[in-house]
Amino acid sequence: MKRGRLRGKDLSPCRLLFLDEAARLDARSIATLFELCERLEMQLIIAAPENISPEKGTTYKLVRKVVNNHEHVHVVGLRGFAAQLPETITGHPPTPS
């Protein structure tokens, strides 16, 4: 098997935006962040309180629990609640019911 060299044009970048202290942002600022990430095709990773919910995409809530000196992390996923066309969710047209 022959392996070729990787070239910049063959790579797709991992576009991430990390944000801490999102509790300080108002609803308009949060909406602006979501819009920016959507336009630039970036993934937003934020540390935020529970009152910040996604309109699109999926949010994962991580809760750390310590019981009898054993640490556990519970992960719960929440899908966005904004109205979207089915093809924007799956990338394919909807299948007939």
Foldseek 3Di string as FASTA:
>chain_A
DDDDDDDPVNDDDQAEDEEEPCQPDDPVVVVVVVVVCVVVVHHYHYDDDPVDAAQADKDWDWDWDADPNDIDIDIDIDGHDHDDQVCVVVVDHDDDD
